[in-house]
Amino acid sequence: QVQLVESGGGLVQTGGSLRLSCAASGSIFMINVMGWYRQTPGKQRELVAVGGGSTNYADSVKGRFTISRDTAKNTVYLQINSLKPEDTGVYYCYAVLQRTTTGYKYQYWGQGTQVTVSS
């Protein structure tokens, strides 16, 4: 089985910063994509940032959020700067990976980490 475990959420003031981490563990042959989604109050879960062959960001976070990966540790990070109250929500780690050499890809989600930005 595979697990994604997030950490780094918390309560910060407007303009503050956080660094989220997500470590994948278990039966993993290759990770194709790792990224972050978030669910803010009253809205559907949305893509924040994803990295694989290329990196993509939601327009609302460009210039403030930076995604990075440590492939040796199967870990993805999200550096969040200049936080705004509208960034408040639950941030979920996401991965598409291969568990064996067959090429079949699986999708996994972390349990989520809460980010709260006070005004």
C-alpha atoms as a PDB file:
ATOM      1  CA  GLN A   1       0.000   0.000   0.000  1.00  0.00           C
ATOM      2  CA  VAL A   2       1.004   3.631  -0.394  1.00  0.00           C
ATOM      3  CA  GLN A   3       0.573   6.525   2.003  1.00  0.00           C
ATOM      4  CA  LEU A   4       0.934  10.257   1.555  1.00  0.00           C
ATOM      5  CA  VAL A   5       1.553  12.108   4.800  1.00  0.00           C
ATOM      6  CA  GLU A   6       1.367  15.888   4.882  1.00  0.00           C
ATOM      7  CA  SER A   7       2.751  18.251   7.480  1.00  0.00           C
ATOM      8  CA  GLY A   8       3.444  21.933   7.955  1.00  0.00           C
ATOM      9  CA  GLY A   9       0.011  23.487   8.126  1.00  0.00           C
ATOM     10  CA  GLY A  10      -0.970  25.919  10.822  1.00  0.00           C
ATOM     11  CA  LEU A  11      -2.260  29.339  11.771  1.00  0.00           C
ATOM     12  CA  VAL A  12      -0.456  32.361  10.377  1.00  0.00           C
ATOM     13  CA  GLN A  13      -1.155  36.047   9.964  1.00  0.00           C
ATOM     14  CA  THR A  14      -1.759  37.726   6.633  1.00  0.00           C
ATOM     15  CA  GLY A  15       1.519  38.134   4.812  1.00  0.00           C
ATOM     16  CA  GLY A  16       3.122  35.218   6.594  1.00  0.00           C
ATOM     17  CA  SER A  17       4.675  32.077   5.195  1.00  0.00           C
ATOM     18  CA  LEU A  18       4.375  28.333   5.591  1.00  0.00           C
ATOM     19  CA  ARG A  19       6.119  25.344   4.118  1.00  0.00           C
ATOM     20  CA  LEU A  20       4.034  22.249   3.558  1.00  0.00           C
ATOM     21  CA  SER A  21       5.604  18.835   3.119  1.00  0.00           C
ATOM     22  CA  CYS A  22       4.211  15.585   1.806  1.00  0.00           C
ATOM     23  CA  ALA A  23       6.105  12.325   1.989  1.00  0.00           C
ATOM     24  CA  ALA A  24       5.048   9.277   0.010  1.00  0.00           C
ATOM     25  CA  SER A  25       5.865   5.864   1.389  1.00  0.00           C
ATOM     26  CA  GLY A  26       5.086   2.245   0.689  1.00  0.00           C
ATOM     27  CA  SER A  27       5.265   0.145  -2.426  1.00  0.00           C
ATOM     28  CA  ILE A  28       6.443   2.713  -4.983  1.00  0.00           C
ATOM     29  CA  PHE A  29       8.289   2.028  -8.222  1.00  0.00           C
ATOM     30  CA  MET A  30       8.097   5.493  -9.743  1.00  0.00           C
ATOM     31  CA  ILE A  31       6.296   8.742  -8.923  1.00  0.00           C
ATOM     32  CA  ASN A  32       5.086  10.465 -12.080  1.00  0.00           C
ATOM     33  CA  VAL A  33       3.355  13.500 -10.632  1.00  0.00           C
ATOM     34  CA  MET A  34       3.127  15.117  -7.214  1.00  0.00           C
ATOM     35  CA  GLY A  35       1.150  18.190  -6.391  1.00  0.00           C
ATOM     36  CA  TRP A  36      -1.142  20.087  -4.101  1.00  0.00           C
ATOM     37  CA  TYR A  37      -4.850  20.810  -4.134  1.00  0.00           C
ATOM     38  CA  ARG A  38      -6.844  22.796  -1.639  1.00  0.00           C
ATOM     39  CA  GLN A  39     -10.405  23.069  -0.494  1.00  0.00           C
ATOM     40  CA  THR A  40     -11.373  26.487   0.762  1.00  0.00           C
ATOM     41  CA  PRO A  41     -14.659  27.182   2.591  1.00  0.00           C
ATOM     42  CA  GLY A  42     -17.632  27.088   0.251  1.00  0.00           C
ATOM     43  CA  LYS A  43     -15.634  25.986  -2.764  1.00  0.00           C
ATOM     44  CA  GLN A  44     -14.751  22.752  -4.507  1.00  0.00           C
ATOM     45  CA  ARG A  45     -11.308  21.255  -4.259  1.00  0.00           C
ATOM     46  CA  GLU A  46      -8.995  23.075  -6.666  1.00  0.00           C
ATOM     47  CA  LEU A  47      -5.538  22.571  -8.063  1.00  0.00           C
ATOM     48  CA  VAL A  48      -2.893  24.736  -6.409  1.00  0.00           C
ATOM     49  CA  ALA A  49       0.339  23.460  -7.909  1.00  0.00           C
ATOM     50  CA  VAL A  50       1.523  20.332  -9.622  1.00  0.00           C
ATOM     51  CA  GLY A  51       4.929  19.146 -10.768  1.00  0.00           C
ATOM     52  CA  GLY A  52       5.838  16.320 -13.060  1.00  0.00           C
ATOM     53  CA  GLY A  53       7.381  16.903 -16.447  1.00  0.00           C
ATOM     54  CA  SER A  54       6.362  20.527 -16.066  1.00  0.00           C
ATOM     55  CA  THR A  55       5.149  22.728 -13.233  1.00  0.00           C
ATOM     56  CA  ASN A  56       1.751  24.388 -13.170  1.00  0.00           C
ATOM     57  CA  TYR A  57       0.182  26.795 -10.707  1.00  0.00           C
ATOM     58  CA  ALA A  58      -3.285  28.160 -10.175  1.00  0.00           C
ATOM     59  CA  ASP A  59      -3.449  31.785 -11.289  1.00  0.00           C
ATOM     60  CA  SER A  60      -4.400  32.842  -7.768  1.00  0.00           C
ATOM     61  CA  VAL A  61      -1.118  31.580  -6.309  1.00  0.00           C
ATOM     62  CA  LYS A  62       1.403  32.395  -9.030  1.00  0.00           C
ATOM     63  CA  GLY A  63       4.304  34.363  -7.648  1.00  0.00           C
ATOM     64  CA  ARG A  64       3.482  33.418  -4.053  1.00  0.00           C
ATOM     65  CA  PHE A  65       3.567  29.597  -3.981  1.00  0.00           C
ATOM     66  CA  THR A  66       6.479  27.428  -5.060  1.00  0.00           C
ATOM     67  CA  ILE A  67       6.343  23.666  -5.485  1.00  0.00           C
ATOM     68  CA  SER A  68       9.465  21.567  -5.289  1.00  0.00           C
ATOM     69  CA  ARG A  69      10.339  17.890  -5.030  1.00  0.00           C
ATOM     70  CA  ASP A  70      13.004  15.760  -3.443  1.00  0.00           C
ATOM     71  CA  THR A  71      12.822  12.675  -5.628  1.00  0.00           C
ATOM     72  CA  ALA A  72      15.240  10.726  -3.449  1.00  0.00           C
ATOM     73  CA  LYS A  73      12.886  11.160  -0.483  1.00  0.00           C
ATOM     74  CA  ASN A  74       9.623  10.837  -2.474  1.00  0.00           C
ATOM     75  CA  THR A  75       8.659  14.163  -0.960  1.00  0.00           C
ATOM     76  CA  VAL A  76       6.989  17.244  -2.371  1.00  0.00           C
ATOM     77  CA  TYR A  77       7.029  20.665  -0.759  1.00  0.00           C
ATOM     78  CA  LEU A  78       4.886  23.745  -1.118  1.00  0.00           C
ATOM     79  CA  GLN A  79       6.441  27.024  -0.032  1.00  0.00           C
ATOM     80  CA  ILE A  80       3.648  29.483   0.592  1.00  0.00           C
ATOM     81  CA  ASN A  81       4.515  33.164   0.920  1.00  0.00           C
ATOM     82  CA  SER A  82       2.471  36.345   1.225  1.00  0.00           C
ATOM     83  CA  LEU A  83      -0.474  34.431   2.626  1.00  0.00           C
ATOM     84  CA  LYS A  84      -3.937  35.918   2.308  1.00  0.00           C
ATOM     85  CA  PRO A  85      -7.106  35.097   4.261  1.00  0.00           C
ATOM     86  CA  GLU A  86      -8.572  33.581   1.091  1.00  0.00           C
ATOM     87  CA  ASP A  87      -5.789  30.986   1.159  1.00  0.00           C
ATOM     88  CA  THR A  88      -7.414  29.470   4.249  1.00  0.00           C
ATOM     89  CA  GLY A  89      -8.415  25.881   3.677  1.00  0.00           C
ATOM     90  CA  VAL A  90      -7.360  22.274   3.763  1.00  0.00           C
ATOM     91  CA  TYR A  91      -4.382  21.490   1.559  1.00  0.00           C
ATOM     92  CA  TYR A  92      -4.175  17.996   0.094  1.00  0.00           C
ATOM     93  CA  CYS A  93      -1.150  16.282  -1.345  1.00  0.00           C
ATOM     94  CA  TYR A  94      -1.703  14.336  -4.553  1.00  0.00           C
ATOM     95  CA  ALA A  95       0.411  11.799  -6.367  1.00  0.00           C
ATOM     96  CA  VAL A  96       0.220   9.720  -9.504  1.00  0.00           C
ATOM     97  CA  LEU A  97       2.607   6.828  -9.300  1.00  0.00           C
ATOM     98  CA  GLN A  98       3.520   3.377 -10.476  1.00  0.00           C
ATOM     99  CA  ARG A  99       3.755   0.630  -7.875  1.00  0.00           C
ATOM    100  CA  THR A 100       5.398  -1.903 -10.202  1.00  0.00           C
ATOM    101  CA  THR A 101       7.114  -2.039 -13.578  1.00  0.00           C
ATOM    102  CA  THR A 102       3.840  -2.816 -15.396  1.00  0.00           C
ATOM    103  CA  GLY A 103       3.287   0.867 -16.085  1.00  0.00           C
ATOM    104  CA  TYR A 104      -0.145   0.988 -14.472  1.00  0.00           C
ATOM    105  CA  LYS A 105      -0.605   4.282 -12.655  1.00  0.00           C
ATOM    106  CA  TYR A 106      -2.372   4.836  -9.367  1.00  0.00           C
ATOM    107  CA  GLN A 107      -3.698   8.042  -7.855  1.00  0.00           C
ATOM    108  CA  TYR A 108      -3.337   8.773  -4.156  1.00  0.00           C
ATOM    109  CA  TRP A 109      -4.360  11.574  -1.822  1.00  0.00           C
ATOM    110  CA  GLY A 110      -3.075  12.631   1.544  1.00  0.00           C
ATOM    111  CA  GLN A 111      -5.323  13.257   4.518  1.00  0.00           C
ATOM    112  CA  GLY A 112      -5.002  17.024   4.265  1.00  0.00           C
ATOM    113  CA  THR A 113      -3.397  19.710   6.389  1.00  0.00           C
ATOM    114  CA  GLN A 114      -5.214  22.811   7.588  1.00  0.00           C
ATOM    115  CA  VAL A 115      -3.910  26.258   6.703  1.00  0.00           C
ATOM    116  CA  THR A 116      -5.588  29.178   8.429  1.00  0.00           C
ATOM    117  CA  VAL A 117      -4.679  32.767   7.647  1.00  0.00           C
ATOM    118  CA  SER A 118      -5.873  35.423  10.064  1.00  0.00           C
ATOM    119  CA  SER A 119      -6.517  38.978   8.934  1.00  0.00           C
END
